[in-house]
PDB file of N, CA and C in Angstrom:
ATOM      1  N   VAL A   1      -2.922   0.980 -34.726  1.00  0.00           N
ATOM      2  CA  VAL A   1      -3.151   0.018 -33.694  1.00  0.00           C
ATOM      3  C   VAL A   1      -2.169   0.399 -32.374  1.00  0.00           C
ATOM      4  N   SER A   2      -2.690   0.358 -31.203  1.00  0.00           N
ATOM      5  CA  SER A   2      -1.875   0.472 -30.275  1.00  0.00           C
ATOM      6  C   SER A   2      -2.320  -0.546 -29.317  1.00  0.00           C
ATOM      7  N   LEU A   3      -1.854  -1.160 -28.668  1.00  0.00           N
ATOM      8  CA  LEU A   3      -2.125  -1.660 -27.229  1.00  0.00           C
ATOM      9  C   LEU A   3      -0.932  -1.637 -26.377  1.00  0.00           C
ATOM     10  N   ASP A   4      -2.470  -1.179 -24.653  1.00  0.00           N
ATOM     11  CA  ASP A   4      -1.360  -0.871 -23.607  1.00  0.00           C
ATOM     12  C   ASP A   4      -1.665  -1.647 -22.653  1.00  0.00           C
ATOM     13  N   ILE A   5      -0.785  -2.092 -21.703  1.00  0.00           N
ATOM     14  CA  ILE A   5      -1.031  -3.410 -20.666  1.00  0.00           C
ATOM     15  C   ILE A   5      -0.396  -2.329 -19.228  1.00  0.00           C
ATOM     16  N   LEU A   6      -1.675  -2.237 -18.447  1.00  0.00           N
ATOM     17  CA  LEU A   6      -1.250  -1.341 -17.256  1.00  0.00           C
ATOM     18  C   LEU A   6      -0.781  -2.626 -16.382  1.00  0.00           C
ATOM     19  N   ASN A   7       0.278  -2.691 -15.424  1.00  0.00           N
ATOM     20  CA  ASN A   7       0.283  -3.578 -14.488  1.00  0.00           C
ATOM     21  C   ASN A   7       0.600  -5.158 -15.258  1.00  0.00           C
ATOM     22  N   PHE A   8       1.456  -4.827 -15.660  1.00  0.00           N
ATOM     23  CA  PHE A   8       1.767  -6.174 -16.210  1.00  0.00           C
ATOM     24  C   PHE A   8       2.178  -7.523 -15.425  1.00  0.00           C
ATOM     25  N   GLY A   9       3.553  -7.024 -14.274  1.00  0.00           N
ATOM     26  CA  GLY A   9       3.701  -7.805 -13.335  1.00  0.00           C
ATOM     27  C   GLY A   9       2.172  -8.760 -13.175  1.00  0.00           C
ATOM     28  N   ASN A  10       1.099  -8.162 -12.917  1.00  0.00           N
ATOM     29  CA  ASN A  10       0.073  -8.747 -12.273  1.00  0.00           C
ATOM     30  C   ASN A  10      -1.061  -9.467 -13.322  1.00  0.00           C
ATOM     31  N   LEU A  11      -0.324  -8.912 -14.228  1.00  0.00           N
ATOM     32  CA  LEU A  11      -1.208 -10.274 -15.228  1.00  0.00           C
ATOM     33  C   LEU A  11      -0.169 -11.846 -15.673  1.00  0.00           C
ATOM     34  N   ILE A  12       1.238 -11.383 -15.330  1.00  0.00           N
ATOM     35  CA  ILE A  12       1.892 -12.467 -15.117  1.00  0.00           C
ATOM     36  C   ILE A  12       1.394 -13.298 -13.830  1.00  0.00           C
ATOM     37  N   ASN A  13       1.732 -13.078 -13.042  1.00  0.00           N
ATOM     38  CA  ASN A  13       1.111 -13.382 -11.348  1.00  0.00           C
ATOM     39  C   ASN A  13       0.507 -12.381 -10.579  1.00  0.00           C
ATOM     40  N   SER A  14      -0.519 -13.278 -10.513  1.00  0.00           N
ATOM     41  CA  SER A  14      -1.765 -12.512  -9.343  1.00  0.00           C
ATOM     42  C   SER A  14      -1.090 -11.728  -7.907  1.00  0.00           C
ATOM     43  N   ASP A  15       0.039 -12.435  -7.463  1.00  0.00           N
ATOM     44  CA  ASP A  15       0.707 -11.806  -6.198  1.00  0.00           C
ATOM     45  C   ASP A  15       1.961 -10.510  -6.641  1.00  0.00           C
ATOM     46  N   TRP A  16       1.661 -10.669  -7.885  1.00  0.00           N
ATOM     47  CA  TRP A  16       2.595  -8.923  -8.263  1.00  0.00           C
ATOM     48  C   TRP A  16       2.102  -8.388  -8.500  1.00  0.00           C
ATOM     49  N   GLY A  17       2.409  -6.625  -8.467  1.00  0.00           N
ATOM     50  CA  GLY A  17       1.993  -5.939  -8.825  1.00  0.00           C
ATOM     51  C   GLY A  17       0.682  -5.261  -7.924  1.00  0.00           C
ATOM     52  N   VAL A  18       0.449  -5.866  -6.742  1.00  0.00           N
ATOM     53  CA  VAL A  18      -0.739  -5.812  -6.086  1.00  0.00           C
ATOM     54  C   VAL A  18      -0.256  -4.524  -4.430  1.00  0.00           C
ATOM     55  N   ARG A  19      -1.248  -3.400  -4.531  1.00  0.00           N
ATOM     56  CA  ARG A  19      -0.320  -1.998  -4.192  1.00  0.00           C
ATOM     57  C   ARG A  19      -1.122  -2.359  -2.815  1.00  0.00           C
ATOM     58  N   GLU A  20      -0.308  -2.149  -2.031  1.00  0.00           N
ATOM     59  CA  GLU A  20      -0.468  -2.029  -0.094  1.00  0.00           C
ATOM     60  C   GLU A  20      -0.619  -1.049   0.284  1.00  0.00           C
ATOM     61  N   VAL A  21      -1.740  -0.779   0.796  1.00  0.00           N
ATOM     62  CA  VAL A  21      -2.121   0.325   1.974  1.00  0.00           C
ATOM     63  C   VAL A  21      -2.225   0.345   3.298  1.00  0.00           C
ATOM     64  N   VAL A  22      -1.878   1.171   4.190  1.00  0.00           N
ATOM     65  CA  VAL A  22      -1.964   1.090   5.756  1.00  0.00           C
ATOM     66  C   VAL A  22      -3.122   0.476   6.559  1.00  0.00           C
ATOM     67  N   ASN A  23      -3.270  -0.860   7.040  1.00  0.00           N
ATOM     68  CA  ASN A  23      -4.524  -1.126   7.553  1.00  0.00           C
ATOM     69  C   ASN A  23      -4.614  -0.133   8.849  1.00  0.00           C
ATOM     70  N   SER A  24      -5.924   0.573   8.606  1.00  0.00           N
ATOM     71  CA  SER A  24      -6.444   1.261   9.504  1.00  0.00           C
ATOM     72  C   SER A  24      -5.958   1.203  11.136  1.00  0.00           C
ATOM     73  N   ALA A  25      -6.643  -0.319  11.434  1.00  0.00           N
ATOM     74  CA  ALA A  25      -6.365  -1.191  12.805  1.00  0.00           C
ATOM     75  C   ALA A  25      -4.934  -1.244  12.777  1.00  0.00           C
ATOM     76  N   ALA A  26      -4.357  -1.045  12.877  1.00  0.00           N
ATOM     77  CA  ALA A  26      -2.748  -1.350  12.915  1.00  0.00           C
ATOM     78  C   ALA A  26      -2.123   0.246  13.418  1.00  0.00           C
ATOM     79  N   LYS A  27      -2.448   1.507  12.724  1.00  0.00           N
ATOM     80  CA  LYS A  27      -2.215   2.253  13.322  1.00  0.00           C
ATOM     81  C   LYS A  27      -2.248   2.966  14.720  1.00  0.00           C
ATOM     82  N   THR A  28      -1.031   2.808  15.552  1.00  0.00           N
ATOM     83  CA  THR A  28      -1.230   3.076  17.040  1.00  0.00           C
ATOM     84  C   THR A  28      -0.077   3.963  16.994  1.00  0.00           C
ATOM     85  N   PRO A  29      -0.414   5.443  17.657  1.00  0.00           N
ATOM     86  CA  PRO A  29       0.406   6.033  17.886  1.00  0.00           C
ATOM     87  C   PRO A  29       1.492   5.727  19.201  1.00  0.00           C
ATOM     88  N   LEU A  30       2.777   6.759  19.348  1.00  0.00           N
ATOM     89  CA  LEU A  30       3.595   6.136  20.357  1.00  0.00           C
ATOM     90  C   LEU A  30       2.444   5.997  21.911  1.00  0.00           C
ATOM     91  N   VAL A  31       2.853   5.986  22.813  1.00  0.00           N
ATOM     92  CA  VAL A  31       1.931   6.682  23.968  1.00  0.00           C
ATOM     93  C   VAL A  31       3.050   6.929  25.135  1.00  0.00           C
ATOM     94  N   PHE A  32       2.787   8.008  25.642  1.00  0.00           N
ATOM     95  CA  PHE A  32       3.968   8.263  26.713  1.00  0.00           C
ATOM     96  C   PHE A  32       3.398   7.350  28.016  1.00  0.00           C
ATOM     97  N   ASN A  33       4.434   6.558  28.484  1.00  0.00           N
ATOM     98  CA  ASN A  33       4.127   5.700  29.804  1.00  0.00           C
ATOM     99  C   ASN A  33       4.411   6.010  31.000  1.00  0.00           C
ATOM    100  N   GLY A  34       4.688   7.822  31.359  1.00  0.00           N
ATOM    101  CA  GLY A  34       4.707   8.373  32.679  1.00  0.00           C
ATOM    102  C   GLY A  34       6.443   7.911  32.525  1.00  0.00           C
ATOM    103  N   ASN A  35       7.264   7.818  32.296  1.00  0.00           N
ATOM    104  CA  ASN A  35       8.585   7.421  33.191  1.00  0.00           C
ATOM    105  C   ASN A  35       9.374   8.596  32.213  1.00  0.00           C
ATOM    106  N   PHE A  36      10.511   8.730  33.063  1.00  0.00           N
ATOM    107  CA  PHE A  36      11.848   9.663  32.795  1.00  0.00           C
ATOM    108  C   PHE A  36      12.606   8.812  32.499  1.00  0.00           C
ATOM    109  N   ASP A  37      14.155   9.658  31.646  1.00  0.00           N
ATOM    110  CA  ASP A  37      14.968   8.200  31.771  1.00  0.00           C
ATOM    111  C   ASP A  37      16.079   9.573  32.717  1.00  0.00           C
ATOM    112  N   GLY A  38      16.859   8.663  32.739  1.00  0.00           N
ATOM    113  CA  GLY A  38      18.487  10.001  33.563  1.00  0.00           C
ATOM    114  C   GLY A  38      18.364  11.203  33.336  1.00  0.00           C
ATOM    115  N   ALA A  39      18.204  11.457  32.068  1.00  0.00           N
ATOM    116  CA  ALA A  39      18.444  12.712  31.380  1.00  0.00           C
ATOM    117  C   ALA A  39      17.291  13.361  31.408  1.00  0.00           C
ATOM    118  N   GLY A  40      16.291  13.148  32.212  1.00  0.00           N
ATOM    119  CA  GLY A  40      14.551  13.660  31.788  1.00  0.00           C
ATOM    120  C   GLY A  40      14.097  13.614  30.879  1.00  0.00           C
ATOM    121  N   ASN A  41      14.496  12.824  29.523  1.00  0.00           N
ATOM    122  CA  ASN A  41      13.818  12.667  28.644  1.00  0.00           C
ATOM    123  C   ASN A  41      12.022  12.085  28.996  1.00  0.00           C
ATOM    124  N   PRO A  42      11.244  11.890  28.184  1.00  0.00           N
ATOM    125  CA  PRO A  42      10.019  11.397  28.531  1.00  0.00           C
ATOM    126  C   PRO A  42      10.449   9.941  27.540  1.00  0.00           C
ATOM    127  N   LEU A  43       9.780   8.846  28.361  1.00  0.00           N
ATOM    128  CA  LEU A  43       9.945   7.548  27.523  1.00  0.00           C
ATOM    129  C   LEU A  43       8.512   7.204  27.306  1.00  0.00           C
ATOM    130  N   PHE A  44       8.847   7.151  25.817  1.00  0.00           N
ATOM    131  CA  PHE A  44       7.563   6.644  25.017  1.00  0.00           C
ATOM    132  C   PHE A  44       7.510   4.862  24.618  1.00  0.00           C
ATOM    133  N   GLN A  45       6.419   4.615  24.234  1.00  0.00           N
ATOM    134  CA  GLN A  45       6.181   3.032  24.364  1.00  0.00           C
ATOM    135  C   GLN A  45       5.579   2.763  23.181  1.00  0.00           C
ATOM    136  N   PHE A  46       5.743   2.071  22.454  1.00  0.00           N
ATOM    137  CA  PHE A  46       4.681   1.440  20.978  1.00  0.00           C
ATOM    138  C   PHE A  46       3.940   0.649  21.074  1.00  0.00           C
ATOM    139  N   PRO A  47       2.765   0.624  21.217  1.00  0.00           N
ATOM    140  CA  PRO A  47       2.161  -0.709  21.751  1.00  0.00           C
ATOM    141  C   PRO A  47       1.906  -1.642  20.811  1.00  0.00           C
ATOM    142  N   GLY A  48       2.228  -1.628  19.287  1.00  0.00           N
ATOM    143  CA  GLY A  48       2.238  -2.909  18.209  1.00  0.00           C
ATOM    144  C   GLY A  48       1.335  -3.033  18.108  1.00  0.00           C
ATOM    145  N   THR A  49       1.451  -3.867  16.913  1.00  0.00           N
ATOM    146  CA  THR A  49       0.037  -3.973  15.774  1.00  0.00           C
ATOM    147  C   THR A  49      -0.736  -5.458  16.611  1.00  0.00           C
ATOM    148  N   ALA A  50      -0.419  -6.073  17.492  1.00  0.00           N
ATOM    149  CA  ALA A  50      -0.979  -7.077  18.183  1.00  0.00           C
ATOM    150  C   ALA A  50      -1.706  -7.921  17.164  1.00  0.00           C
ATOM    151  N   GLY A  51      -0.519  -8.874  16.280  1.00  0.00           N
ATOM    152  CA  GLY A  51      -1.403  -9.769  15.575  1.00  0.00           C
ATOM    153  C   GLY A  51      -1.746  -9.619  14.319  1.00  0.00           C
ATOM    154  N   THR A  52      -2.334  -7.936  13.913  1.00  0.00           N
ATOM    155  CA  THR A  52      -2.732  -6.855  12.794  1.00  0.00           C
ATOM    156  C   THR A  52      -1.921  -6.508  12.125  1.00  0.00           C
ATOM    157  N   SER A  53      -1.735  -6.871  10.818  1.00  0.00           N
ATOM    158  CA  SER A  53      -1.348  -7.137   9.585  1.00  0.00           C
ATOM    159  C   SER A  53      -0.729  -5.099   9.369  1.00  0.00           C
ATOM    160  N   THR A  54       0.272  -4.643   9.277  1.00  0.00           N
ATOM    161  CA  THR A  54       0.663  -3.181   9.431  1.00  0.00           C
ATOM    162  C   THR A  54       0.203  -2.930   7.870  1.00  0.00           C
ATOM    163  N   PHE A  55      -0.036  -3.545   7.089  1.00  0.00           N
ATOM    164  CA  PHE A  55      -0.369  -3.386   5.730  1.00  0.00           C
ATOM    165  C   PHE A  55      -1.324  -4.313   5.040  1.00  0.00           C
ATOM    166  N   ILE A  56      -2.262  -3.921   3.996  1.00  0.00           N
ATOM    167  CA  ILE A  56      -3.138  -5.072   3.502  1.00  0.00           C
ATOM    168  C   ILE A  56      -3.335  -4.400   2.073  1.00  0.00           C
ATOM    169  N   ASP A  57      -3.777  -5.608   1.167  1.00  0.00           N
ATOM    170  CA  ASP A  57      -3.865  -5.507  -0.325  1.00  0.00           C
ATOM    171  C   ASP A  57      -5.100  -4.401  -0.787  1.00  0.00           C
ATOM    172  N   ASP A  58      -4.812  -3.402  -1.113  1.00  0.00           N
ATOM    173  CA  ASP A  58      -5.849  -2.506  -1.778  1.00  0.00           C
ATOM    174  C   ASP A  58      -6.340  -3.147  -3.242  1.00  0.00           C
ATOM    175  N   ILE A  59      -8.013  -3.322  -3.015  1.00  0.00           N
ATOM    176  CA  ILE A  59      -8.909  -4.167  -4.306  1.00  0.00           C
ATOM    177  C   ILE A  59      -9.316  -2.998  -5.066  1.00  0.00           C
ATOM    178  N   SER A  60      -8.246  -2.001  -5.109  1.00  0.00           N
ATOM    179  CA  SER A  60      -8.741  -0.894  -6.415  1.00  0.00           C
ATOM    180  C   SER A  60      -8.651  -1.377  -7.872  1.00  0.00           C
ATOM    181  N   VAL A  61      -9.233  -0.550  -8.171  1.00  0.00           N
ATOM    182  CA  VAL A  61      -8.174  -0.840 -10.172  1.00  0.00           C
ATOM    183  C   VAL A  61      -6.975  -0.993 -10.114  1.00  0.00           C
ATOM    184  N   ILE A  62      -6.113  -0.183  -9.037  1.00  0.00           N
ATOM    185  CA  ILE A  62      -4.727   0.259  -9.716  1.00  0.00           C
ATOM    186  C   ILE A  62      -3.885  -1.241  -9.104  1.00  0.00           C
ATOM    187  N   SER A  63      -4.745  -2.198  -8.265  1.00  0.00           N
ATOM    188  CA  SER A  63      -4.197  -3.640  -8.198  1.00  0.00           C
ATOM    189  C   SER A  63      -4.633  -4.425  -9.387  1.00  0.00           C
ATOM    190  N   ARG A  64      -4.853  -4.094 -10.413  1.00  0.00           N
ATOM    191  CA  ARG A  64      -5.441  -5.272 -11.236  1.00  0.00           C
ATOM    192  C   ARG A  64      -5.177  -5.028 -12.399  1.00  0.00           C
ATOM    193  N   TRP A  65      -4.603  -5.712 -13.217  1.00  0.00           N
ATOM    194  CA  TRP A  65      -4.065  -5.334 -14.758  1.00  0.00           C
ATOM    195  C   TRP A  65      -4.974  -5.199 -15.584  1.00  0.00           C
ATOM    196  N   GLN A  66      -4.644  -4.384 -16.626  1.00  0.00           N
ATOM    197  CA  GLN A  66      -5.552  -3.443 -17.738  1.00  0.00           C
ATOM    198  C   GLN A  66      -5.269  -3.415 -19.091  1.00  0.00           C
ATOM    199  N   ILE A  67      -5.869  -3.944 -19.696  1.00  0.00           N
ATOM    200  CA  ILE A  67      -5.301  -3.958 -21.057  1.00  0.00           C
ATOM    201  C   ILE A  67      -6.173  -2.743 -21.901  1.00  0.00           C
ATOM    202  N   GLN A  68      -5.886  -1.743 -22.919  1.00  0.00           N
ATOM    203  CA  GLN A  68      -5.964  -0.467 -23.345  1.00  0.00           C
ATOM    204  C   GLN A  68      -5.931  -0.982 -25.161  1.00  0.00           C
ATOM    205  N   LEU A  69      -6.680  -0.892 -25.663  1.00  0.00           N
ATOM    206  CA  LEU A  69      -6.536  -0.928 -27.547  1.00  0.00           C
ATOM    207  C   LEU A  69      -6.880   0.597 -27.897  1.00  0.00           C
ATOM    208  N   GLY A  70      -6.221   0.632 -29.040  1.00  0.00           N
ATOM    209  CA  GLY A  70      -6.737   2.327 -29.040  1.00  0.00           C
ATOM    210  C   GLY A  70      -6.190   1.829 -30.961  1.00  0.00           C
ATOM    211  N   PHE A  71      -7.153   2.706 -31.293  1.00  0.00           N
ATOM    212  CA  PHE A  71      -6.823   3.263 -32.883  1.00  0.00           C
ATOM    213  C   PHE A  71      -6.939   4.716 -33.237  1.00  0.00           C
ATOM    214  N   ARG A  72      -5.836   4.690 -34.216  1.00  0.00           N
ATOM    215  CA  ARG A  72      -5.788   5.805 -35.027  1.00  0.00           C
ATOM    216  C   ARG A  72      -6.183   6.171 -36.355  1.00  0.00           C
ATOM    217  N   TYR A  73      -6.998   6.947 -36.645  1.00  0.00           N
ATOM    218  CA  TYR A  73      -7.453   7.083 -38.284  1.00  0.00           C
ATOM    219  C   TYR A  73      -7.151   8.535 -38.404  1.00  0.00           C
ATOM    220  N   ILE A  74      -6.245   9.069 -39.400  1.00  0.00           N
ATOM    221  CA  ILE A  74      -5.745   9.938 -39.988  1.00  0.00           C
ATOM    222  C   ILE A  74      -6.729  10.386 -40.864  1.00  0.00           C
ATOM    223  N   PHE A  75      -7.524  11.606 -40.968  1.00  0.00           N
ATOM    224  CA  PHE A  75      -8.166  12.573 -42.059  1.00  0.00           C
ATOM    225  C   PHE A  75      -7.187  13.096 -42.724  1.00  0.00           C
ATOM    226  N   ASN A  76      -7.023  13.068 -43.787  1.00  0.00           N
ATOM    227  CA  ASN A  76      -6.139  14.103 -44.757  1.00  0.00           C
ATOM    228  C   ASN A  76      -7.221  14.415 -46.056  1.00  0.00           C
TER     229      ASN A  76
END
């Protein structure tokens, strides 16, 4: 008989063991602002996420605790 507990941290506390993924609304690339510095290098600007969280909780099975029970019988 075997017992496996997957994501044990989430079993203890629902805030632990939660996988976070990138929020698609917060993915904004760098934007060329049309200016150059004194050495002639282009200047870029990061618009930011403007109140949007960069990461969100993943609600898939990976973020939940699971128990797996196994039985093994050997025939001789």
